[in-house]
Protein backbone atom coordinates (compact mmCIF):
# COMPACT_ATOMS: atom_id res chain seq x y z
CA MET A 1 6.79 26.06 11.33
CA LYS A 2 10.31 27.53 12.87
CA ILE A 3 13.13 26.75 14.34
CA THR A 4 12.80 27.75 18.29
CA ASN A 5 16.65 26.32 19.55
CA VAL A 6 19.12 24.16 18.89
CA ARG A 7 20.33 21.58 21.59
CA THR A 8 23.37 20.20 21.38
CA ARG A 9 25.04 17.11 24.03
CA VAL A 10 27.94 15.56 23.61
CA PHE A 11 27.82 11.53 24.80
CA GLU A 12 31.13 9.81 26.32
CA TRP A 13 31.27 6.64 26.68
CA LYS A 14 32.43 5.57 30.71
CA GLY A 15 31.13 2.00 30.40
CA HIS A 16 33.23 -0.97 29.82
CA THR A 17 35.45 -0.75 26.96
CA VAL A 18 36.99 -3.97 25.11
CA PRO A 19 40.74 -3.35 25.27
CA PRO A 20 42.97 -2.76 22.14
CA THR A 21 45.46 -5.63 20.75
CA ALA A 22 48.09 -5.14 18.10
CA HIS A 23 47.73 -5.28 14.41
CA PHE A 24 43.46 -5.18 15.12
CA CYS A 25 43.12 -3.03 12.00
CA SER A 26 45.64 -1.26 9.65
CA ASN A 27 45.58 2.33 9.81
CA ALA A 28 46.64 5.39 8.55
CA MET A 29 48.77 6.31 11.26
CA ASP A 30 50.65 2.62 10.79
CA GLU A 31 53.38 4.19 8.19
CA LEU A 32 54.91 6.21 11.39
CA TRP A 33 57.04 4.74 14.23
CA ASP A 34 55.25 4.69 17.24
CA LYS A 35 54.62 2.96 20.24
CA GLY A 36 51.08 2.39 21.81
CA ASP A 37 48.02 1.95 19.67
CA SER A 38 48.12 3.08 15.99
CA MET A 39 43.72 2.84 16.35
CA GLY A 40 43.92 5.61 18.80
CA THR A 41 43.01 8.24 16.96
CA PHE A 42 40.28 6.53 15.09
CA ARG A 43 38.16 5.54 18.17
CA PHE A 44 35.19 7.09 18.08
CA HIS A 45 34.17 7.00 22.21
CA GLY A 46 31.96 9.67 21.40
CA TRP A 47 29.04 11.25 20.11
CA THR A 48 27.18 14.96 19.05
CA VAL A 49 23.24 14.35 19.65
CA VAL A 50 21.68 17.50 17.66
CA GLU A 51 18.33 18.21 18.96
CA ILE A 52 16.23 20.46 16.82
CA GLU A 53 13.23 22.23 18.11
CA THR A 54 10.38 24.08 16.03
CA ASP A 55 7.26 26.16 17.71
CA ASN A 56 4.83 23.55 16.73
CA GLY A 57 6.60 20.90 19.01
CA LEU A 58 8.59 18.38 16.74
CA VAL A 59 11.53 18.29 17.71
CA GLY A 60 14.32 16.76 14.86
CA LEU A 61 17.27 14.71 15.89
CA GLY A 62 21.14 14.33 14.62
CA ASN A 63 24.39 13.27 14.97
CA VAL A 64 28.29 13.96 14.80
CA ALA A 65 30.72 10.79 15.11
CA LEU A 66 33.92 12.86 14.75
CA ALA A 67 35.15 14.93 17.14
CA PRO A 68 32.64 15.71 19.31
CA ARG A 69 33.32 18.47 21.60
CA ILE A 70 34.54 20.67 18.40
CA ALA A 71 31.41 19.29 16.79
CA LYS A 72 29.30 20.58 19.91
CA ALA A 73 31.32 23.82 19.55
CA ILE A 74 30.81 24.76 15.75
CA ILE A 75 27.25 23.70 16.24
CA ASP A 76 26.35 26.28 18.87
CA GLN A 77 28.53 28.87 17.83
CA TYR A 78 28.43 28.89 14.20
CA LEU A 79 25.76 27.02 13.37
CA THR A 80 22.76 27.50 15.69
CA PRO A 81 22.36 30.97 15.22
CA LEU A 82 21.80 30.81 11.41
CA LEU A 83 19.05 28.61 11.99
CA ILE A 84 16.71 30.03 14.68
CA GLY A 85 13.71 31.27 13.07
CA GLN A 86 14.07 29.85 10.04
CA ASP A 87 11.53 27.15 8.10
CA PRO A 88 13.10 24.02 8.19
CA PHE A 89 11.40 22.86 4.54
CA ASP A 90 13.99 25.06 3.35
CA TYR A 91 16.42 23.12 4.14
CA GLU A 92 18.20 23.94 0.79
CA TYR A 93 18.92 27.54 1.75
CA LEU A 94 20.12 26.19 5.33
CA TRP A 95 22.56 24.23 4.12
CA GLN A 96 23.85 26.77 1.76
CA ARG A 97 23.74 29.30 4.91
CA MET A 98 26.04 26.87 6.74
CA TYR A 99 28.10 25.86 3.94
CA ARG A 100 28.77 29.47 2.54
CA SER A 101 29.42 30.79 6.04
CA THR A 102 31.87 28.41 6.96
CA HIS A 103 34.07 28.06 4.14
CA ALA A 104 36.68 29.76 4.99
CA TRP A 105 37.34 26.41 7.18
CA GLY A 106 34.36 23.82 7.36
CA ARG A 107 33.77 23.01 3.73
CA LYS A 108 35.67 19.48 4.70
CA GLY A 109 36.06 17.90 7.90
CA ILE A 110 34.95 18.04 11.58
CA GLY A 111 33.35 21.92 9.84
CA MET A 112 31.16 19.49 7.55
CA ALA A 113 30.08 16.90 10.21
CA ALA A 114 28.61 19.62 11.99
CA ILE A 115 26.88 21.12 9.47
CA SER A 116 26.18 17.04 8.68
CA GLY A 117 24.08 17.01 12.75
CA VAL A 118 22.24 20.00 11.99
CA ASP A 119 20.92 18.75 8.01
CA ILE A 120 20.04 15.25 9.17
CA ALA A 121 17.46 16.42 12.64
CA ILE A 122 16.28 18.90 10.35
CA TRP A 123 15.44 16.27 7.93
CA ASP A 124 13.92 13.86 10.58
CA ILE A 125 12.00 17.40 11.44
CA MET A 126 10.37 17.30 7.65
CA GLY A 127 9.45 13.64 7.92
CA LYS A 128 7.30 13.91 11.45
CA ALA A 129 5.91 17.56 9.98
CA VAL A 130 4.29 14.87 7.28
CA GLY A 131 4.02 12.16 8.83
CA LYS A 132 5.94 10.00 6.36
CA PRO A 133 9.26 8.38 6.84
CA VAL A 134 12.56 10.36 5.31
CA PHE A 135 13.09 7.99 2.50
CA LYS A 136 9.56 8.91 1.43
CA LEU A 137 10.51 12.30 1.00
CA LEU A 138 13.69 11.37 -0.79
CA GLY A 139 11.73 9.32 -3.84
CA GLY A 140 10.53 6.02 -1.95
CA ARG A 141 10.91 2.90 -1.62
CA THR A 142 13.22 1.45 -4.79
CA LYS A 143 13.28 -1.67 -2.97
CA GLU A 144 11.11 -4.35 -1.28
CA LYS A 145 14.43 -4.44 1.32
CA ILE A 146 17.68 -3.38 1.98
CA PRO A 147 20.52 -6.41 1.44
CA CYS A 148 23.17 -5.92 4.00
CA TYR A 149 26.78 -7.15 5.04
CA ALA A 150 27.98 -7.59 7.88
CA SER A 151 30.70 -5.57 9.17
CA LYS A 152 33.33 -6.38 11.72
CA LEU A 153 35.93 -9.14 11.30
CA TYR A 154 38.93 -7.16 12.95
CA ARG A 155 41.87 -9.42 12.47
CA THR A 156 42.21 -11.29 15.31
CA ASP A 157 43.53 -15.01 15.81
CA LEU A 158 42.32 -16.72 12.72
CA LYS A 159 40.37 -19.50 14.45
CA ASP A 160 38.69 -17.07 15.57
CA MET A 161 37.54 -14.96 12.85
CA GLN A 162 36.40 -18.57 10.87
CA GLU A 163 33.99 -18.42 13.86
CA GLU A 164 32.61 -14.93 13.77
CA ALA A 165 32.09 -15.25 9.43
CA GLN A 166 30.37 -18.56 10.08
CA SER A 167 28.52 -16.78 12.81
CA TYR A 168 27.06 -14.53 9.77
CA LEU A 169 25.90 -17.38 7.72
CA ASP A 170 24.21 -18.73 9.96
CA GLN A 171 22.27 -15.04 10.89
CA GLY A 172 21.73 -15.33 7.37
CA PHE A 173 24.26 -12.82 5.83
CA THR A 174 25.38 -13.60 1.96
CA ALA A 175 28.50 -10.56 2.39
CA MET A 176 30.46 -9.33 4.99
CA LYS A 177 34.05 -7.69 4.85
CA MET A 178 36.74 -8.07 6.97
CA ARG A 179 39.94 -6.13 7.95
CA PHE A 180 43.15 -6.05 7.32
CA GLY A 181 45.84 -5.91 10.33
CA TYR A 182 49.15 -5.58 9.05
CA GLY A 183 50.81 -2.76 6.20
CA PRO A 184 54.06 -1.34 4.96
CA ARG A 185 56.06 -1.72 7.80
CA ASP A 186 55.41 -5.18 8.57
CA GLY A 187 57.71 -6.82 6.00
CA VAL A 188 56.53 -9.93 4.01
CA GLU A 189 55.79 -11.04 7.08
CA GLY A 190 53.04 -8.54 7.20
CA VAL A 191 52.14 -9.53 3.41
CA ARG A 192 52.05 -13.44 4.56
CA ALA A 193 49.35 -12.47 7.17
CA ASN A 194 47.71 -10.45 5.41
CA LEU A 195 46.95 -13.37 3.07
CA ASP A 196 46.97 -15.68 5.39
CA SER A 197 43.59 -13.98 6.93
CA VAL A 198 41.66 -13.91 3.76
CA ALA A 199 42.14 -17.43 2.69
CA ALA A 200 41.05 -18.03 6.74
CA VAL A 201 37.81 -16.21 5.85
CA ARG A 202 37.36 -17.25 2.46
CA GLU A 203 37.79 -20.80 3.54
CA VAL A 204 34.70 -20.56 5.59
CA ILE A 205 32.56 -18.84 3.85
CA GLY A 206 33.28 -20.38 0.29
CA GLU A 207 33.00 -18.59 -2.71
CA ASP A 208 29.31 -17.85 -3.16
CA VAL A 209 29.57 -15.11 -0.40
CA ASP A 210 30.62 -12.20 -0.98
CA LEU A 211 34.06 -11.03 0.79
CA MET A 212 34.57 -7.05 1.80
CA LEU A 213 38.49 -6.04 2.37
CA GLU A 214 39.12 -3.14 4.03
CA CYS A 215 42.52 -1.28 4.32
CA TYR A 216 41.21 1.62 6.97
CA MET A 217 43.75 3.80 4.88
CA GLY A 218 46.64 1.61 6.53
CA TRP A 219 48.83 0.61 3.35
CA ASN A 220 50.80 3.21 0.73
CA LEU A 221 50.54 3.41 -3.38
CA ASP A 222 53.39 0.73 -3.36
CA TYR A 223 52.44 -1.39 -1.09
CA ALA A 224 48.59 -1.91 -2.47
CA LYS A 225 49.81 -2.21 -6.39
CA ARG A 226 51.91 -5.33 -5.09
CA MET A 227 48.83 -6.61 -2.43
CA LEU A 228 46.39 -6.49 -5.03
CA PRO A 229 47.81 -9.09 -8.13
CA LYS A 230 47.95 -11.25 -4.58
CA LEU A 231 44.58 -10.89 -3.47
CA GLU A 232 42.79 -11.57 -7.18
CA ARG A 233 42.45 -15.08 -6.63
CA PHE A 234 40.20 -14.40 -3.24
CA GLN A 235 37.47 -12.36 -5.50
CA PRO A 236 36.68 -10.02 -3.43
CA ARG A 237 34.07 -7.56 -4.47
CA TRP A 238 36.48 -4.46 -3.13
CA LEU A 239 39.25 -3.51 -1.45
CA GLU A 240 38.37 -0.68 0.47
CA GLU A 241 40.52 2.70 1.44
CA PRO A 242 43.76 1.39 0.11
CA VAL A 243 45.58 4.82 0.54
CA ILE A 244 44.94 8.07 2.68
CA ALA A 245 42.26 9.60 1.56
CA ASP A 246 44.15 12.97 -0.26
CA ASP A 247 45.73 10.43 -2.43
CA ILE A 248 42.97 10.46 -5.28
CA ASP A 249 45.53 9.85 -7.91
CA GLY A 250 47.11 7.28 -6.17
CA TYR A 251 43.05 5.77 -5.79
CA ALA A 252 42.52 5.84 -9.27
CA GLU A 253 45.79 4.63 -10.44
CA LEU A 254 44.44 1.20 -8.78
CA ASN A 255 40.96 1.40 -10.04
CA GLN A 256 42.72 0.92 -13.44
CA LEU A 257 45.35 -1.59 -12.07
CA THR A 258 43.80 -5.49 -11.33
CA SER A 259 40.27 -6.55 -12.13
CA ILE A 260 39.39 -5.81 -8.24
CA PRO A 261 36.73 -2.76 -7.77
CA ILE A 262 38.75 -0.17 -5.24
CA SER A 263 36.40 1.20 -2.92
CA GLY A 264 36.76 4.89 -0.82
CA GLY A 265 34.75 7.92 0.44
CA GLU A 266 34.46 7.58 3.88
CA HIS A 267 36.18 10.35 4.32
CA GLU A 268 35.18 12.18 1.83
CA PHE A 269 32.85 15.75 1.77
CA THR A 270 29.85 17.16 -0.47
CA HIS A 271 29.35 16.90 -4.05
CA TYR A 272 32.13 18.78 -5.40
CA GLY A 273 34.50 16.06 -3.60
CA PHE A 274 32.61 13.03 -5.05
CA ARG A 275 32.89 14.45 -8.04
CA GLN A 276 36.76 14.99 -8.35
CA LEU A 277 36.60 10.97 -7.52
CA LEU A 278 34.06 10.01 -10.43
CA GLU A 279 35.99 12.39 -12.77
CA LYS A 280 38.86 10.64 -12.07
CA ARG A 281 37.74 7.23 -11.88
CA ALA A 282 39.23 6.64 -9.08
CA VAL A 283 36.68 4.63 -7.19
CA SER A 284 34.23 1.60 -8.40
CA VAL A 285 32.39 1.64 -5.10
CA ILE A 286 31.37 5.64 -3.04
CA GLN A 287 30.68 5.00 0.32
CA TYR A 288 30.06 8.11 2.22
CA ASP A 289 28.79 8.48 5.66
CA THR A 290 26.14 10.96 5.66
CA ASN A 291 27.43 11.92 9.29
CA ARG A 292 30.71 13.69 7.77
CA VAL A 293 29.51 14.11 3.58
CA GLY A 294 27.32 17.37 4.29
CA GLY A 295 23.84 15.45 6.05
CA ILE A 296 21.10 14.00 3.73
CA THR A 297 20.68 17.33 1.53
CA ALA A 298 24.56 17.03 0.13
CA ALA A 299 24.11 13.11 0.16
CA ARG A 300 21.44 12.94 -1.65
CA LYS A 301 23.09 15.20 -4.51
CA ILE A 302 26.13 12.51 -4.72
CA ASN A 303 23.69 9.73 -5.44
CA ALA A 304 22.31 11.48 -8.62
CA LEU A 305 25.96 11.90 -9.36
CA ALA A 306 27.60 8.98 -8.39
CA GLU A 307 24.29 7.07 -10.60
CA SER A 308 25.08 9.53 -13.70
CA PHE A 309 28.93 7.71 -13.17
CA SER A 310 27.21 4.45 -13.02
CA VAL A 311 29.37 3.67 -9.69
CA PRO A 312 27.46 2.51 -6.60
CA VAL A 313 26.86 3.92 -3.30
CA ILE A 314 27.22 1.75 -0.38
CA PRO A 315 27.40 4.92 2.92
CA HIS A 316 29.74 3.73 5.40
CA ALA A 317 28.01 2.56 9.01
CA GLY A 318 24.56 2.15 8.26
CA GLN A 319 22.55 3.97 10.66
CA MET A 320 19.32 5.15 10.09
CA HIS A 321 20.92 8.44 8.55
CA ASN A 322 22.74 5.74 5.74
CA TYR A 323 19.58 3.46 5.54
CA HIS A 324 16.77 6.01 4.42
CA LEU A 325 19.12 6.85 1.36
CA THR A 326 19.34 4.20 0.27
CA MET A 327 16.24 2.44 0.00
CA ALA A 328 15.63 6.16 -2.09
CA SER A 329 17.77 5.53 -3.86
CA LEU A 330 18.47 3.25 -7.38
CA ALA A 331 22.34 4.31 -7.06
CA SER A 332 22.64 1.98 -3.34
CA PRO A 333 22.09 -1.39 -4.15
CA MET A 334 22.90 -2.40 -0.41
CA SER A 335 23.74 -1.12 3.33
CA GLU A 336 26.55 -2.10 5.81
CA TYR A 337 25.39 -2.93 9.23
CA PHE A 338 27.36 -3.61 12.25
CA PRO A 339 26.57 -6.06 14.41
CA VAL A 340 25.48 -4.75 17.76
CA HIS A 341 29.00 -5.50 20.45
CA ASP A 342 30.51 -4.89 23.22
CA VAL A 343 32.31 -0.95 22.94
CA GLU A 344 35.44 -1.62 20.54
CA ILE A 345 36.22 0.98 17.85
CA GLY A 346 33.21 2.79 18.19
CA ASN A 347 30.78 2.77 15.68
CA GLU A 348 28.47 0.46 18.02
CA LEU A 349 28.04 3.21 20.04
CA PHE A 350 25.23 4.37 18.14
CA TYR A 351 22.86 1.53 19.29
CA TYR A 352 24.29 3.08 22.88
CA ILE A 353 22.49 6.40 22.84
CA PHE A 354 19.70 5.98 19.81
CA LYS A 355 17.06 3.03 19.52
CA GLY A 356 15.02 2.47 16.43
CA ASP A 357 17.27 0.93 14.44
CA PRO A 358 15.98 -2.07 12.07
CA GLU A 359 17.81 -5.58 12.74
CA PRO A 360 18.88 -7.79 9.75
CA VAL A 361 16.93 -10.85 9.11
CA ASN A 362 18.61 -12.92 6.93
CA GLY A 363 20.70 -10.38 5.89
CA PHE A 364 17.95 -8.00 4.72
CA ILE A 365 17.19 -4.88 6.42
CA ASP A 366 13.45 -3.12 6.66
CA LEU A 367 12.41 0.50 6.96
CA ASP A 368 8.88 0.84 8.56
CA GLU A 369 6.39 2.83 6.53
CA GLU A 370 4.51 4.01 9.62
CA THR A 371 7.00 5.63 11.64
CA PRO A 372 7.51 9.35 10.35
CA GLY A 373 11.06 11.20 10.22
CA LEU A 374 13.96 9.03 10.66
CA GLY A 375 12.38 6.30 13.32
CA LEU A 376 15.02 7.41 15.88
CA GLU A 377 15.10 8.17 19.45
CA LEU A 378 17.90 8.25 22.27
CA ASN A 379 18.33 5.34 24.46
CA SER A 380 17.87 6.36 28.13
CA ASP A 381 18.60 3.23 28.67
CA TYR A 382 22.72 3.50 28.93
CA PHE A 383 22.42 7.71 29.65
CA ASP A 384 24.43 6.25 33.03
CA GLN A 385 27.25 4.89 31.11
CA PHE A 386 27.59 8.35 29.46
CA ASN A 387 29.49 11.29 30.59
CA ILE A 388 26.78 13.64 29.09
CA ILE A 389 28.28 17.12 28.35
CA GLU A 390 25.66 20.39 27.88
């Protein structure tokens, strides 16, 4: 079996979008004096779809959510020539070929995200070729079902947040994640607003439901050091991305400061990047995203590395490319799940482009033993809602 063609398309959403609101979610732009929507650069309203074709008619599906037009250009110009005529089962060789040939500019960021999309498609081909789901190629089933946590709860009206939290309880979730809306430039009033939002959600869900807290890089070290002791009484499962991704020493300091575990890694890349986080004891929970970190080939190495440090891996965003890894690894105790809703930040766009993602039942998802590959196909029902760029 040989690769004969690589097709990339950019899907840009043109349908209804929930308008942005102030203090919706803290983020890395918040420390700058700026007007307008600070979350604007962190909204993902486009996606790159990768289709790798083989000489026996199999087609593998991959995807990239970061800078889709740039990802497409990288795949078309730099990666496709490295793949044509190759055996997809030589996945390690192909990964190394892409990684090393683009090393001067592609070892992190959008270059690695592009490699990820290709690698995911290659694993989809391999599963389809042997008639097995991808998780069976990665080690098989390590858990009966995958526990998952509901991940939304952006900072809105406190009553609305409480009603949303109750809806997740009603669906059977025993864990959920909320977002902070305020950071260092918001002063004492912002500190109080952050604490009030956590108290409001905890009031509804009680003490026996896990609550995760998301900063999305919107704080700095000083602010996080002041906030952590104030948050301890709420007993969060973790505090996520309190500082920007490059401040590894900041993560390490915070991770030793209180009883609250620090999580991160959504914006880290390859096993080399995670080795630094683990050796510095910078995170207590790893949260890579397979369609950024280097694909399944890189992610499985990170899982093994994390297991040796006894650090759990709970990938960012759920979605099938992450679920297969979680099912096959003892290092991964649970998954994130983005509820299906109107397009807002953009993570939910996945459901408009692909179909086949499992829906949670009482806070658990399962993967079908009989569906080969990733189990995804393109969802043409919504194609008319996209600007599709070949």
